[in-house]
Amino acid sequence: MKATIIGSNGYIGKHLAKFLFEKGWEVNGYDISEESKVNNINYTSLKLLTKEDALVVNFNVDFVFYFAGVTGTSKAYDDYELYLDVNEKGLLHVLNRMKEENIKARLVFPSTRLIYKGEKNVPLKEDALKEFKTIYALNKWFGENVIRQYQEYFGINYNIFRICVPYGNLFSDGYSYGTIGFFLNNAVNKKNITLFGTGEQRKGVIFLLKRLLFLRFCGIFCA
């Protein structure tokens, strides 16, 4: 199998690139940095700010993962041009080339849980009420809708998933904002680890606590 990952040095991209390479995939990585953060993949430095930039991307693959993106909340109100250039126009450059060359690779796009308004004690469903409190959330909602349009009009194959990062960082000790990362960060800083729920999720909670204790006894945490 072959994959192209646009944004291969980002949090999701680099972990996916490492995973796919270890599974025997041919991985083509693209990111703004000069060098790849993942060894042994085919890597090209790319800004993807123009249609011409998209011409260097290898679309002769099974999957195209569009993981390029600028994140942040208040920062977007100062750097809105960058958010539009990367998160929206960059995606359109990719979609345009897939349209023009009739690319059959499947486009995979990560959206975000931040597009939902959310209601207390009400589980989220696909059609739950939406609310966009950040430019980033608007960028992602734009991406979802424009990809659907390209599928309807031009037959682009795609998958969209809305994510919340659950695990930690394999590449460094940096805080990853994931659920496990939150537990580890609190443990390292000798803070309480707070769990929420009805008590029915015993298997998952017990596993997590056992894992944390194991890591502590292995000397990862300093007493």
N, C-alpha and C. Protein backbone atom coordinates (compact mmCIF):
# COMPACT_ATOMS: atom_id res chain seq x y z
N MET A 1 0.84 -1.19 0.00
CA MET A 1 0.00 0.00 0.00
C MET A 1 0.88 1.26 0.00
N LYS A 2 0.33 2.33 -0.56
CA LYS A 2 1.06 3.58 -0.65
C LYS A 2 0.22 4.71 -0.07
N ALA A 3 0.89 5.64 0.61
CA ALA A 3 0.18 6.77 1.20
C ALA A 3 0.98 8.05 1.04
N THR A 4 0.27 9.14 0.84
CA THR A 4 0.84 10.48 0.88
C THR A 4 0.26 11.19 2.09
N ILE A 5 1.15 11.74 2.92
CA ILE A 5 0.71 12.46 4.12
C ILE A 5 1.16 13.91 4.00
N ILE A 6 0.20 14.80 3.80
CA ILE A 6 0.49 16.23 3.73
C ILE A 6 0.34 16.79 5.13
N GLY A 7 1.45 17.19 5.72
CA GLY A 7 1.49 17.54 7.14
C GLY A 7 2.08 16.41 7.94
N SER A 8 3.14 15.78 7.40
CA SER A 8 3.70 14.57 8.02
C SER A 8 4.56 14.85 9.23
N ASN A 9 4.84 16.12 9.53
CA ASN A 9 5.61 16.45 10.73
C ASN A 9 4.73 16.90 11.88
N GLY A 10 3.43 17.01 11.64
CA GLY A 10 2.52 17.40 12.70
C GLY A 10 2.27 16.25 13.66
N TYR A 11 1.48 16.54 14.71
CA TYR A 11 1.27 15.53 15.75
C TYR A 11 0.68 14.24 15.18
N ILE A 12 -0.42 14.35 14.46
CA ILE A 12 -1.06 13.16 13.91
C ILE A 12 -0.23 12.60 12.76
N GLY A 13 0.25 13.49 11.89
CA GLY A 13 0.95 13.05 10.70
C GLY A 13 2.19 12.23 10.98
N LYS A 14 3.01 12.67 11.91
CA LYS A 14 4.26 11.94 12.17
C LYS A 14 4.00 10.59 12.82
N HIS A 15 2.98 10.51 13.67
CA HIS A 15 2.66 9.22 14.27
C HIS A 15 2.09 8.26 13.23
N LEU A 16 1.26 8.79 12.33
CA LEU A 16 0.71 7.94 11.28
C LEU A 16 1.81 7.49 10.32
N ALA A 17 2.70 8.41 9.95
CA ALA A 17 3.80 8.05 9.04
C ALA A 17 4.66 6.94 9.62
N LYS A 18 4.99 7.06 10.89
CA LYS A 18 5.79 6.03 11.56
C LYS A 18 5.05 4.70 11.57
N PHE A 19 3.77 4.73 11.90
CA PHE A 19 2.97 3.50 11.98
C PHE A 19 2.87 2.82 10.61
N LEU A 20 2.55 3.59 9.58
CA LEU A 20 2.39 3.00 8.24
C LEU A 20 3.71 2.45 7.71
N PHE A 21 4.80 3.18 7.93
CA PHE A 21 6.10 2.69 7.48
C PHE A 21 6.45 1.36 8.15
N GLU A 22 6.19 1.27 9.43
CA GLU A 22 6.49 0.03 10.15
C GLU A 22 5.60 -1.12 9.70
N LYS A 23 4.44 -0.80 9.12
CA LYS A 23 3.54 -1.82 8.58
C LYS A 23 3.90 -2.20 7.14
N GLY A 24 4.96 -1.59 6.61
CA GLY A 24 5.42 -1.94 5.27
C GLY A 24 4.87 -1.08 4.16
N TRP A 25 4.18 0.01 4.48
CA TRP A 25 3.66 0.92 3.46
C TRP A 25 4.77 1.77 2.87
N GLU A 26 4.57 2.21 1.62
CA GLU A 26 5.42 3.25 1.05
C GLU A 26 4.80 4.59 1.44
N VAL A 27 5.56 5.42 2.14
CA VAL A 27 5.02 6.66 2.70
C VAL A 27 5.73 7.86 2.09
N ASN A 28 4.93 8.78 1.54
CA ASN A 28 5.44 10.05 1.03
C ASN A 28 4.99 11.16 1.97
N GLY A 29 5.93 11.85 2.57
CA GLY A 29 5.61 12.89 3.53
C GLY A 29 5.90 14.28 2.99
N TYR A 30 5.04 15.24 3.35
CA TYR A 30 5.20 16.64 2.93
C TYR A 30 4.90 17.54 4.12
N ASP A 31 5.77 18.50 4.33
CA ASP A 31 5.55 19.47 5.41
C ASP A 31 6.41 20.69 5.15
N ILE A 32 6.18 21.74 5.94
CA ILE A 32 6.88 23.00 5.72
C ILE A 32 8.33 22.94 6.18
N SER A 33 8.67 22.04 7.09
CA SER A 33 10.04 21.93 7.61
C SER A 33 10.99 21.39 6.54
N GLU A 34 12.26 21.71 6.68
CA GLU A 34 13.26 21.24 5.73
C GLU A 34 13.49 19.73 5.85
N GLU A 35 13.39 19.22 7.07
CA GLU A 35 13.68 17.80 7.30
C GLU A 35 12.48 17.10 7.92
N SER A 36 12.40 15.80 7.66
CA SER A 36 11.31 14.99 8.21
C SER A 36 11.59 14.62 9.66
N LYS A 37 10.53 14.54 10.45
CA LYS A 37 10.66 14.07 11.83
C LYS A 37 10.53 12.55 11.93
N VAL A 38 10.27 11.92 10.78
CA VAL A 38 10.14 10.46 10.73
C VAL A 38 11.19 9.92 9.78
N ASN A 39 11.98 8.95 10.23
CA ASN A 39 13.04 8.38 9.42
C ASN A 39 12.49 7.46 8.33
N ASN A 40 13.21 7.39 7.24
CA ASN A 40 13.01 6.39 6.18
C ASN A 40 11.81 6.61 5.27
N ILE A 41 11.05 7.67 5.43
CA ILE A 41 9.97 7.94 4.49
C ILE A 41 10.47 8.85 3.38
N ASN A 42 9.76 8.89 2.25
CA ASN A 42 10.09 9.80 1.17
C ASN A 42 9.56 11.18 1.55
N TYR A 43 10.45 12.12 1.77
CA TYR A 43 10.03 13.41 2.32
C TYR A 43 10.39 14.56 1.40
N THR A 44 9.46 15.52 1.27
CA THR A 44 9.68 16.73 0.49
C THR A 44 9.17 17.93 1.28
N SER A 45 9.99 18.97 1.39
CA SER A 45 9.55 20.20 2.04
C SER A 45 8.55 20.91 1.13
N LEU A 46 7.42 21.35 1.70
CA LEU A 46 6.34 21.91 0.89
C LEU A 46 5.53 22.91 1.69
N LYS A 47 5.24 24.07 1.09
CA LYS A 47 4.39 25.07 1.75
C LYS A 47 2.93 24.98 1.31
N LEU A 48 2.68 24.55 0.07
CA LEU A 48 1.33 24.35 -0.46
C LEU A 48 0.48 25.61 -0.39
N LEU A 49 1.06 26.73 -0.78
CA LEU A 49 0.35 28.00 -0.77
C LEU A 49 -0.21 28.37 -2.14
N THR A 50 0.21 27.64 -3.19
CA THR A 50 -0.25 27.92 -4.54
C THR A 50 -0.65 26.63 -5.24
N LYS A 51 -1.35 26.77 -6.36
CA LYS A 51 -1.69 25.60 -7.18
C LYS A 51 -0.44 24.88 -7.65
N GLU A 52 0.60 25.68 -7.99
CA GLU A 52 1.84 25.10 -8.49
C GLU A 52 2.52 24.23 -7.43
N ASP A 53 2.40 24.62 -6.16
CA ASP A 53 3.00 23.82 -5.09
C ASP A 53 2.42 22.41 -5.08
N ALA A 54 1.14 22.30 -5.38
CA ALA A 54 0.48 20.99 -5.34
C ALA A 54 0.98 20.05 -6.42
N LEU A 55 1.66 20.58 -7.43
CA LEU A 55 2.13 19.75 -8.53
C LEU A 55 3.23 18.79 -8.10
N VAL A 56 3.94 19.09 -7.01
CA VAL A 56 5.04 18.22 -6.58
C VAL A 56 4.55 17.06 -5.72
N VAL A 57 3.29 17.08 -5.32
CA VAL A 57 2.75 16.04 -4.44
C VAL A 57 2.51 14.76 -5.24
N ASN A 58 2.92 13.63 -4.68
CA ASN A 58 2.71 12.33 -5.31
C ASN A 58 1.30 11.84 -5.00
N PHE A 59 0.45 11.82 -6.01
CA PHE A 59 -0.91 11.33 -5.85
C PHE A 59 -1.09 9.91 -6.39
N ASN A 60 0.00 9.29 -6.81
CA ASN A 60 -0.06 7.91 -7.30
C ASN A 60 0.00 6.95 -6.12
N VAL A 61 -1.00 7.06 -5.25
CA VAL A 61 -1.03 6.31 -4.00
C VAL A 61 -2.46 5.81 -3.75
N ASP A 62 -2.61 5.06 -2.67
CA ASP A 62 -3.94 4.57 -2.30
C ASP A 62 -4.68 5.57 -1.42
N PHE A 63 -3.94 6.28 -0.57
CA PHE A 63 -4.55 7.23 0.35
C PHE A 63 -3.76 8.54 0.38
N VAL A 64 -4.50 9.64 0.43
CA VAL A 64 -3.92 10.97 0.63
C VAL A 64 -4.47 11.50 1.94
N PHE A 65 -3.59 11.68 2.91
CA PHE A 65 -3.99 12.18 4.22
C PHE A 65 -3.68 13.68 4.27
N TYR A 66 -4.73 14.50 4.37
CA TYR A 66 -4.51 15.94 4.44
C TYR A 66 -4.47 16.36 5.90
N PHE A 67 -3.28 16.33 6.49
CA PHE A 67 -3.09 16.65 7.90
C PHE A 67 -2.42 18.00 8.10
N ALA A 68 -2.22 18.76 7.03
CA ALA A 68 -1.65 20.09 7.17
C ALA A 68 -2.68 21.00 7.81
N GLY A 69 -2.25 21.83 8.72
CA GLY A 69 -3.20 22.72 9.36
C GLY A 69 -2.57 23.57 10.44
N VAL A 70 -3.06 24.78 10.57
CA VAL A 70 -2.64 25.68 11.63
C VAL A 70 -3.69 25.65 12.72
N THR A 71 -3.29 25.46 13.96
CA THR A 71 -4.22 25.35 15.08
C THR A 71 -4.00 26.49 16.06
N GLY A 72 -4.90 26.58 17.02
CA GLY A 72 -4.82 27.64 18.02
C GLY A 72 -6.10 28.45 18.05
N THR A 73 -6.41 29.03 19.18
CA THR A 73 -7.67 29.74 19.35
C THR A 73 -7.51 31.24 19.14
N SER A 74 -6.98 31.94 20.12
CA SER A 74 -6.86 33.40 20.01
C SER A 74 -5.86 33.81 18.93
N LYS A 75 -4.88 32.95 18.66
CA LYS A 75 -3.85 33.25 17.66
C LYS A 75 -4.46 33.50 16.28
N ALA A 76 -5.57 32.84 15.99
CA ALA A 76 -6.18 32.93 14.66
C ALA A 76 -6.68 34.34 14.35
N TYR A 77 -7.04 35.08 15.37
CA TYR A 77 -7.58 36.42 15.14
C TYR A 77 -6.49 37.42 14.74
N ASP A 78 -5.25 37.07 14.97
CA ASP A 78 -4.13 37.88 14.51
C ASP A 78 -3.55 37.35 13.19
N ASP A 79 -3.59 36.01 13.01
CA ASP A 79 -2.99 35.38 11.84
C ASP A 79 -4.05 34.75 10.94
N TYR A 80 -5.17 35.41 10.77
CA TYR A 80 -6.28 34.82 10.03
C TYR A 80 -5.90 34.49 8.58
N GLU A 81 -5.01 35.28 7.98
CA GLU A 81 -4.61 35.00 6.60
C GLU A 81 -3.90 33.65 6.51
N LEU A 82 -3.05 33.35 7.48
CA LEU A 82 -2.35 32.06 7.50
C LEU A 82 -3.35 30.92 7.66
N TYR A 83 -4.33 31.10 8.53
CA TYR A 83 -5.34 30.07 8.75
C TYR A 83 -6.13 29.79 7.47
N LEU A 84 -6.45 30.83 6.74
CA LEU A 84 -7.18 30.66 5.49
C LEU A 84 -6.29 30.05 4.40
N ASP A 85 -5.03 30.51 4.33
CA ASP A 85 -4.11 30.00 3.30
C ASP A 85 -3.83 28.51 3.48
N VAL A 86 -3.56 28.10 4.71
CA VAL A 86 -3.17 26.71 4.96
C VAL A 86 -4.38 25.81 5.12
N ASN A 87 -5.30 26.20 5.97
CA ASN A 87 -6.40 25.30 6.32
C ASN A 87 -7.48 25.21 5.26
N GLU A 88 -7.63 26.24 4.45
CA GLU A 88 -8.70 26.22 3.45
C GLU A 88 -8.14 26.23 2.02
N LYS A 89 -7.31 27.21 1.68
CA LYS A 89 -6.79 27.27 0.32
C LYS A 89 -5.87 26.09 0.02
N GLY A 90 -5.07 25.68 1.00
CA GLY A 90 -4.20 24.52 0.80
C GLY A 90 -5.00 23.28 0.46
N LEU A 91 -6.09 23.06 1.17
CA LEU A 91 -6.97 21.92 0.89
C LEU A 91 -7.56 22.03 -0.51
N LEU A 92 -7.97 23.23 -0.90
CA LEU A 92 -8.53 23.44 -2.23
C LEU A 92 -7.50 23.16 -3.33
N HIS A 93 -6.23 23.50 -3.10
CA HIS A 93 -5.19 23.20 -4.08
C HIS A 93 -5.08 21.69 -4.29
N VAL A 94 -5.18 20.92 -3.20
CA VAL A 94 -5.12 19.46 -3.30
C VAL A 94 -6.35 18.93 -4.03
N LEU A 95 -7.52 19.39 -3.64
CA LEU A 95 -8.75 18.93 -4.27
C LEU A 95 -8.78 19.29 -5.75
N ASN A 96 -8.28 20.48 -6.09
CA ASN A 96 -8.28 20.90 -7.49
C ASN A 96 -7.42 19.98 -8.35
N ARG A 97 -6.25 19.61 -7.82
CA ARG A 97 -5.39 18.71 -8.61
C ARG A 97 -6.02 17.32 -8.72
N MET A 98 -6.65 16.85 -7.65
CA MET A 98 -7.31 15.55 -7.71
C MET A 98 -8.44 15.58 -8.74
N LYS A 99 -9.12 16.70 -8.82
CA LYS A 99 -10.20 16.86 -9.81
C LYS A 99 -9.65 16.88 -11.22
N GLU A 100 -8.64 17.72 -11.45
CA GLU A 100 -8.12 17.90 -12.80
C GLU A 100 -7.47 16.65 -13.36
N GLU A 101 -6.86 15.83 -12.50
CA GLU A 101 -6.18 14.63 -12.96
C GLU A 101 -6.96 13.37 -12.69
N ASN A 102 -8.21 13.54 -12.23
CA ASN A 102 -9.09 12.39 -11.97
C ASN A 102 -8.41 11.38 -11.03
N ILE A 103 -7.83 11.87 -9.96
CA ILE A 103 -7.12 11.04 -9.00
C ILE A 103 -8.12 10.16 -8.25
N LYS A 104 -7.81 8.87 -8.16
CA LYS A 104 -8.71 7.92 -7.51
C LYS A 104 -8.31 7.58 -6.07
N ALA A 105 -7.21 8.14 -5.62
CA ALA A 105 -6.81 7.90 -4.22
C ALA A 105 -7.89 8.43 -3.28
N ARG A 106 -8.00 7.82 -2.12
CA ARG A 106 -8.99 8.26 -1.13
C ARG A 106 -8.39 9.35 -0.25
N LEU A 107 -9.08 10.47 -0.18
CA LEU A 107 -8.64 11.59 0.66
C LEU A 107 -9.16 11.39 2.08
N VAL A 108 -8.26 11.51 3.06
CA VAL A 108 -8.64 11.37 4.46
C VAL A 108 -8.39 12.71 5.14
N PHE A 109 -9.44 13.22 5.79
CA PHE A 109 -9.40 14.57 6.36
C PHE A 109 -9.80 14.54 7.83
N PRO A 110 -8.94 15.01 8.73
CA PRO A 110 -9.30 15.07 10.14
C PRO A 110 -10.00 16.38 10.48
N SER A 111 -11.21 16.28 10.95
CA SER A 111 -11.92 17.45 11.43
C SER A 111 -11.75 17.52 12.95
N THR A 112 -12.66 18.14 13.65
CA THR A 112 -12.48 18.33 15.08
C THR A 112 -13.81 18.27 15.83
N ARG A 113 -13.74 17.85 17.06
CA ARG A 113 -14.92 17.86 17.93
C ARG A 113 -15.38 19.28 18.23
N LEU A 114 -14.52 20.26 17.96
CA LEU A 114 -14.83 21.65 18.30
C LEU A 114 -15.93 22.25 17.43
N ILE A 115 -16.37 21.52 16.41
CA ILE A 115 -17.48 22.04 15.60
C ILE A 115 -18.82 21.86 16.31
N TYR A 116 -18.85 21.05 17.37
CA TYR A 116 -20.09 20.79 18.09
C TYR A 116 -20.31 21.78 19.22
N LYS A 117 -21.58 22.12 19.44
CA LYS A 117 -21.92 22.96 20.58
C LYS A 117 -21.83 22.15 21.86
N GLY A 118 -22.40 20.96 21.85
CA GLY A 118 -22.37 20.10 23.02
C GLY A 118 -23.44 20.47 24.03
N GLU A 119 -24.03 19.47 24.65
CA GLU A 119 -25.01 19.67 25.70
C GLU A 119 -24.65 18.78 26.89
N LYS A 120 -24.81 19.32 28.07
CA LYS A 120 -24.46 18.58 29.27
C LYS A 120 -25.30 17.32 29.39
N ASN A 121 -24.63 16.20 29.64
CA ASN A 121 -25.27 14.90 29.86
C ASN A 121 -25.99 14.37 28.62
N VAL A 122 -25.65 14.89 27.44
CA VAL A 122 -26.25 14.42 26.19
C VAL A 122 -25.13 13.93 25.28
N PRO A 123 -25.08 12.64 24.95
CA PRO A 123 -24.03 12.12 24.06
C PRO A 123 -24.10 12.78 22.68
N LEU A 124 -22.95 13.07 22.11
CA LEU A 124 -22.91 13.67 20.78
C LEU A 124 -23.27 12.64 19.71
N LYS A 125 -24.04 13.08 18.72
CA LYS A 125 -24.35 12.27 17.55
C LYS A 125 -23.85 13.02 16.32
N GLU A 126 -23.84 12.33 15.20
CA GLU A 126 -23.33 12.94 13.97
C GLU A 126 -24.04 14.24 13.63
N ASP A 127 -25.35 14.26 13.85
CA ASP A 127 -26.12 15.45 13.49
C ASP A 127 -26.39 16.36 14.68
N ALA A 128 -25.56 16.26 15.71
CA ALA A 128 -25.73 17.12 16.88
C ALA A 128 -25.54 18.59 16.50
N LEU A 129 -26.08 19.47 17.31
CA LEU A 129 -26.03 20.90 17.05
C LEU A 129 -24.60 21.39 16.92
N LYS A 130 -24.35 22.19 15.88
CA LYS A 130 -23.01 22.73 15.62
C LYS A 130 -22.89 24.16 16.15
N GLU A 131 -21.69 24.51 16.56
CA GLU A 131 -21.40 25.87 17.00
C GLU A 131 -19.92 26.13 16.80
N PHE A 132 -19.58 27.27 16.21
CA PHE A 132 -18.20 27.53 15.83
C PHE A 132 -17.67 28.73 16.61
N LYS A 133 -16.90 28.45 17.65
CA LYS A 133 -16.41 29.52 18.51
C LYS A 133 -15.00 29.96 18.15
N THR A 134 -14.38 29.28 17.19
CA THR A 134 -13.03 29.65 16.77
C THR A 134 -12.94 29.63 15.25
N ILE A 135 -11.96 30.37 14.73
CA ILE A 135 -11.70 30.34 13.29
C ILE A 135 -11.26 28.94 12.88
N TYR A 136 -10.50 28.28 13.73
CA TYR A 136 -10.05 26.91 13.44
C TYR A 136 -11.24 25.98 13.24
N ALA A 137 -12.24 26.08 14.10
CA ALA A 137 -13.43 25.24 13.95
C ALA A 137 -14.15 25.55 12.64
N LEU A 138 -14.21 26.82 12.29
CA LEU A 138 -14.81 27.21 11.01
C LEU A 138 -14.01 26.64 9.83
N ASN A 139 -12.66 26.68 9.95
CA ASN A 139 -11.82 26.09 8.91
C ASN A 139 -12.16 24.63 8.68
N LYS A 140 -12.31 23.89 9.76
CA LYS A 140 -12.60 22.47 9.66
C LYS A 140 -13.99 22.21 9.07
N TRP A 141 -14.95 23.01 9.47
CA TRP A 141 -16.31 22.85 8.93
C TRP A 141 -16.32 23.18 7.43
N PHE A 142 -15.56 24.20 7.04
CA PHE A 142 -15.39 24.50 5.62
C PHE A 142 -14.81 23.29 4.90
N GLY A 143 -13.74 22.71 5.47
CA GLY A 143 -13.09 21.56 4.85
C GLY A 143 -14.05 20.40 4.65
N GLU A 144 -14.83 20.09 5.67
CA GLU A 144 -15.79 19.00 5.55
C GLU A 144 -16.76 19.23 4.39
N ASN A 145 -17.29 20.43 4.32
CA ASN A 145 -18.30 20.72 3.31
C ASN A 145 -17.74 20.80 1.90
N VAL A 146 -16.56 21.38 1.74
CA VAL A 146 -16.00 21.50 0.40
C VAL A 146 -15.57 20.13 -0.12
N ILE A 147 -15.11 19.24 0.76
CA ILE A 147 -14.76 17.87 0.35
C ILE A 147 -16.01 17.14 -0.13
N ARG A 148 -17.11 17.31 0.59
CA ARG A 148 -18.36 16.68 0.16
C ARG A 148 -18.79 17.21 -1.21
N GLN A 149 -18.61 18.49 -1.44
CA GLN A 149 -18.96 19.06 -2.75
C GLN A 149 -18.11 18.45 -3.86
N TYR A 150 -16.81 18.31 -3.63
CA TYR A 150 -15.95 17.72 -4.64
C TYR A 150 -16.30 16.25 -4.89
N GLN A 151 -16.78 15.57 -3.86
CA GLN A 151 -17.22 14.20 -4.08
C GLN A 151 -18.49 14.16 -4.94
N GLU A 152 -19.41 15.05 -4.65
CA GLU A 152 -20.68 15.07 -5.38
C GLU A 152 -20.48 15.48 -6.83
N TYR A 153 -19.64 16.51 -7.07
CA TYR A 153 -19.49 17.05 -8.41
C TYR A 153 -18.42 16.34 -9.24
N PHE A 154 -17.35 15.85 -8.56
CA PHE A 154 -16.20 15.34 -9.31
C PHE A 154 -15.80 13.91 -8.92
N GLY A 155 -16.53 13.28 -8.01
CA GLY A 155 -16.28 11.88 -7.67
C GLY A 155 -15.06 11.63 -6.81
N ILE A 156 -14.62 12.63 -6.04
CA ILE A 156 -13.48 12.45 -5.14
C ILE A 156 -13.86 11.49 -4.01
N ASN A 157 -13.04 10.46 -3.80
CA ASN A 157 -13.27 9.53 -2.69
C ASN A 157 -12.70 10.13 -1.40
N TYR A 158 -13.42 9.99 -0.31
CA TYR A 158 -12.94 10.61 0.92
C TYR A 158 -13.46 9.91 2.17
N ASN A 159 -12.78 10.17 3.27
CA ASN A 159 -13.25 9.87 4.62
C ASN A 159 -12.95 11.07 5.49
N ILE A 160 -13.90 11.42 6.36
CA ILE A 160 -13.73 12.51 7.32
C ILE A 160 -13.93 11.93 8.71
N PHE A 161 -13.05 12.28 9.63
CA PHE A 161 -13.25 11.86 11.02
C PHE A 161 -12.99 13.04 11.94
N ARG A 162 -13.79 13.11 13.00
CA ARG A 162 -13.64 14.19 13.98
C ARG A 162 -12.98 13.60 15.21
N ILE A 163 -11.91 14.23 15.64
CA ILE A 163 -11.04 13.57 16.61
C ILE A 163 -10.86 14.36 17.90
N CYS A 164 -10.50 13.62 18.93
CA CYS A 164 -9.96 14.17 20.16
C CYS A 164 -8.78 13.28 20.50
N VAL A 165 -7.60 13.83 20.61
CA VAL A 165 -6.39 13.02 20.77
C VAL A 165 -6.42 12.27 22.10
N PRO A 166 -6.41 10.92 22.07
CA PRO A 166 -6.51 10.17 23.32
C PRO A 166 -5.17 9.82 23.94
N TYR A 167 -4.13 9.62 23.15
CA TYR A 167 -2.89 9.08 23.66
C TYR A 167 -1.79 10.12 23.77
N GLY A 168 -0.62 9.67 24.17
CA GLY A 168 0.51 10.57 24.36
C GLY A 168 1.38 10.65 23.12
N ASN A 169 2.54 11.26 23.28
CA ASN A 169 3.44 11.54 22.17
C ASN A 169 4.56 10.51 22.13
N LEU A 170 4.73 9.81 21.00
CA LEU A 170 5.77 8.80 20.87
C LEU A 170 7.14 9.42 20.57
N PHE A 171 7.17 10.68 20.16
CA PHE A 171 8.40 11.27 19.65
C PHE A 171 9.13 12.14 20.66
N SER A 172 8.48 12.53 21.72
CA SER A 172 9.15 13.37 22.72
C SER A 172 8.37 13.29 24.02
N ASP A 173 8.86 14.00 25.02
CA ASP A 173 8.18 14.03 26.31
C ASP A 173 7.21 15.20 26.40
N GLY A 174 6.99 15.90 25.29
CA GLY A 174 6.12 17.06 25.30
C GLY A 174 4.68 16.70 25.58
N TYR A 175 3.97 17.61 26.23
CA TYR A 175 2.56 17.39 26.55
C TYR A 175 1.74 17.43 25.26
N SER A 176 0.92 16.41 25.04
CA SER A 176 0.23 16.26 23.77
C SER A 176 -1.24 16.64 23.82
N TYR A 177 -1.75 17.06 24.95
CA TYR A 177 -3.14 17.46 25.11
C TYR A 177 -4.12 16.29 25.01
N GLY A 178 -3.63 15.08 24.92
CA GLY A 178 -4.52 13.93 24.87
C GLY A 178 -4.92 13.50 26.26
N THR A 179 -5.87 12.57 26.32
CA THR A 179 -6.36 12.07 27.61
C THR A 179 -5.23 11.45 28.42
N ILE A 180 -4.46 10.55 27.79
CA ILE A 180 -3.34 9.93 28.49
C ILE A 180 -2.29 10.98 28.83
N GLY A 181 -2.08 11.91 27.90
CA GLY A 181 -1.13 12.98 28.16
C GLY A 181 -1.52 13.81 29.37
N PHE A 182 -2.83 14.03 29.53
CA PHE A 182 -3.33 14.77 30.69
C PHE A 182 -3.01 14.00 31.98
N PHE A 183 -3.26 12.68 31.98
CA PHE A 183 -2.96 11.86 33.16
C PHE A 183 -1.48 11.92 33.50
N LEU A 184 -0.64 11.72 32.48
CA LEU A 184 0.80 11.69 32.71
C LEU A 184 1.32 13.05 33.20
N ASN A 185 0.81 14.12 32.62
CA ASN A 185 1.25 15.46 33.00
C ASN A 185 0.91 15.73 34.46
N ASN A 186 -0.30 15.36 34.88
CA ASN A 186 -0.68 15.56 36.28
C ASN A 186 0.14 14.69 37.21
N ALA A 187 0.42 13.45 36.79
CA ALA A 187 1.19 12.54 37.63
C ALA A 187 2.62 13.07 37.83
N VAL A 188 3.23 13.53 36.75
CA VAL A 188 4.59 14.06 36.82
C VAL A 188 4.65 15.27 37.73
N ASN A 189 3.60 16.11 37.68
CA ASN A 189 3.57 17.31 38.51
C ASN A 189 2.89 17.10 39.86
N LYS A 190 2.67 15.83 40.21
CA LYS A 190 2.13 15.43 41.52
C LYS A 190 0.78 16.08 41.80
N LYS A 191 -0.06 16.10 40.75
CA LYS A 191 -1.43 16.60 40.88
C LYS A 191 -2.40 15.43 40.85
N ASN A 192 -3.60 15.66 41.31
CA ASN A 192 -4.62 14.62 41.27
C ASN A 192 -5.01 14.31 39.84
N ILE A 193 -5.33 13.03 39.59
CA ILE A 193 -5.85 12.59 38.30
C ILE A 193 -7.35 12.41 38.46
N THR A 194 -8.12 13.29 37.84
CA THR A 194 -9.57 13.28 38.00
C THR A 194 -10.23 12.50 36.88
N LEU A 195 -11.12 11.59 37.26
CA LEU A 195 -11.87 10.79 36.30
C LEU A 195 -13.35 11.14 36.41
N PHE A 196 -14.02 11.21 35.27
CA PHE A 196 -15.44 11.49 35.24
C PHE A 196 -16.18 10.32 34.59
N GLY A 197 -17.41 10.10 35.01
CA GLY A 197 -18.21 9.04 34.42
C GLY A 197 -19.21 8.49 35.41
N THR A 198 -19.90 7.45 34.98
CA THR A 198 -20.94 6.83 35.82
C THR A 198 -20.40 5.69 36.66
N GLY A 199 -19.17 5.29 36.40
CA GLY A 199 -18.61 4.14 37.10
C GLY A 199 -18.73 2.86 36.31
N GLU A 200 -19.38 2.94 35.15
CA GLU A 200 -19.57 1.75 34.33
C GLU A 200 -18.33 1.43 33.49
N GLN A 201 -17.43 2.39 33.34
CA GLN A 201 -16.27 2.19 32.48
C GLN A 201 -15.11 1.62 33.28
N ARG A 202 -15.37 0.59 34.06
CA ARG A 202 -14.36 0.10 35.01
C ARG A 202 -13.16 -0.52 34.31
N LYS A 203 -13.40 -1.26 33.25
CA LYS A 203 -12.29 -1.92 32.58
C LYS A 203 -11.28 -0.91 32.05
N GLY A 204 -11.76 0.13 31.37
CA GLY A 204 -10.87 1.13 30.81
C GLY A 204 -10.14 1.90 31.89
N VAL A 205 -10.85 2.30 32.94
CA VAL A 205 -10.25 3.07 34.02
C VAL A 205 -9.19 2.26 34.74
N ILE A 206 -9.50 1.01 35.05
CA ILE A 206 -8.56 0.15 35.75
C ILE A 206 -7.30 -0.05 34.91
N PHE A 207 -7.49 -0.25 33.60
CA PHE A 207 -6.33 -0.41 32.72
C PHE A 207 -5.43 0.82 32.75
N LEU A 208 -6.04 2.01 32.69
CA LEU A 208 -5.27 3.24 32.69
C LEU A 208 -4.51 3.41 33.99
N LEU A 209 -5.18 3.14 35.10
CA LEU A 209 -4.53 3.30 36.39
C LEU A 209 -3.38 2.30 36.56
N LYS A 210 -3.60 1.07 36.10
CA LYS A 210 -2.54 0.07 36.18
C LYS A 210 -1.34 0.51 35.34
N ARG A 211 -1.64 1.07 34.18
CA ARG A 211 -0.55 1.53 33.30
C ARG A 211 0.23 2.66 33.96
N LEU A 212 -0.46 3.58 34.59
CA LEU A 212 0.22 4.69 35.26
C LEU A 212 1.09 4.19 36.40
N LEU A 213 0.57 3.24 37.17
CA LEU A 213 1.34 2.67 38.27
C LEU A 213 2.58 1.94 37.74
N PHE A 214 2.39 1.21 36.64
CA PHE A 214 3.51 0.49 36.04
C PHE A 214 4.62 1.45 35.63
N LEU A 215 4.22 2.56 34.98
CA LEU A 215 5.20 3.54 34.55
C LEU A 215 5.91 4.16 35.73
N ARG A 216 5.16 4.40 36.79
CA ARG A 216 5.78 5.00 37.98
C ARG A 216 6.81 4.05 38.58
N PHE A 217 6.46 2.76 38.70
CA PHE A 217 7.38 1.80 39.29
C PHE A 217 8.59 1.56 38.40
N CYS A 218 8.44 1.82 37.10
CA CYS A 218 9.58 1.67 36.17
C CYS A 218 10.53 2.87 36.24
N GLY A 219 10.19 3.85 37.05
CA GLY A 219 11.08 4.97 37.24
C GLY A 219 10.86 6.13 36.30
N ILE A 220 9.75 6.11 35.53
CA ILE A 220 9.51 7.22 34.62
C ILE A 220 9.10 8.46 35.41
N PHE A 221 8.35 8.25 36.49
CA PHE A 221 7.97 9.38 37.33
C PHE A 221 8.93 9.49 38.51
N CYS A 222 9.26 10.69 38.87
CA CYS A 222 10.13 10.91 40.02
C CYS A 222 9.27 11.11 41.27
N ALA A 223 9.52 10.34 42.29
CA ALA A 223 8.74 10.45 43.53
C ALA A 223 9.11 11.73 44.24
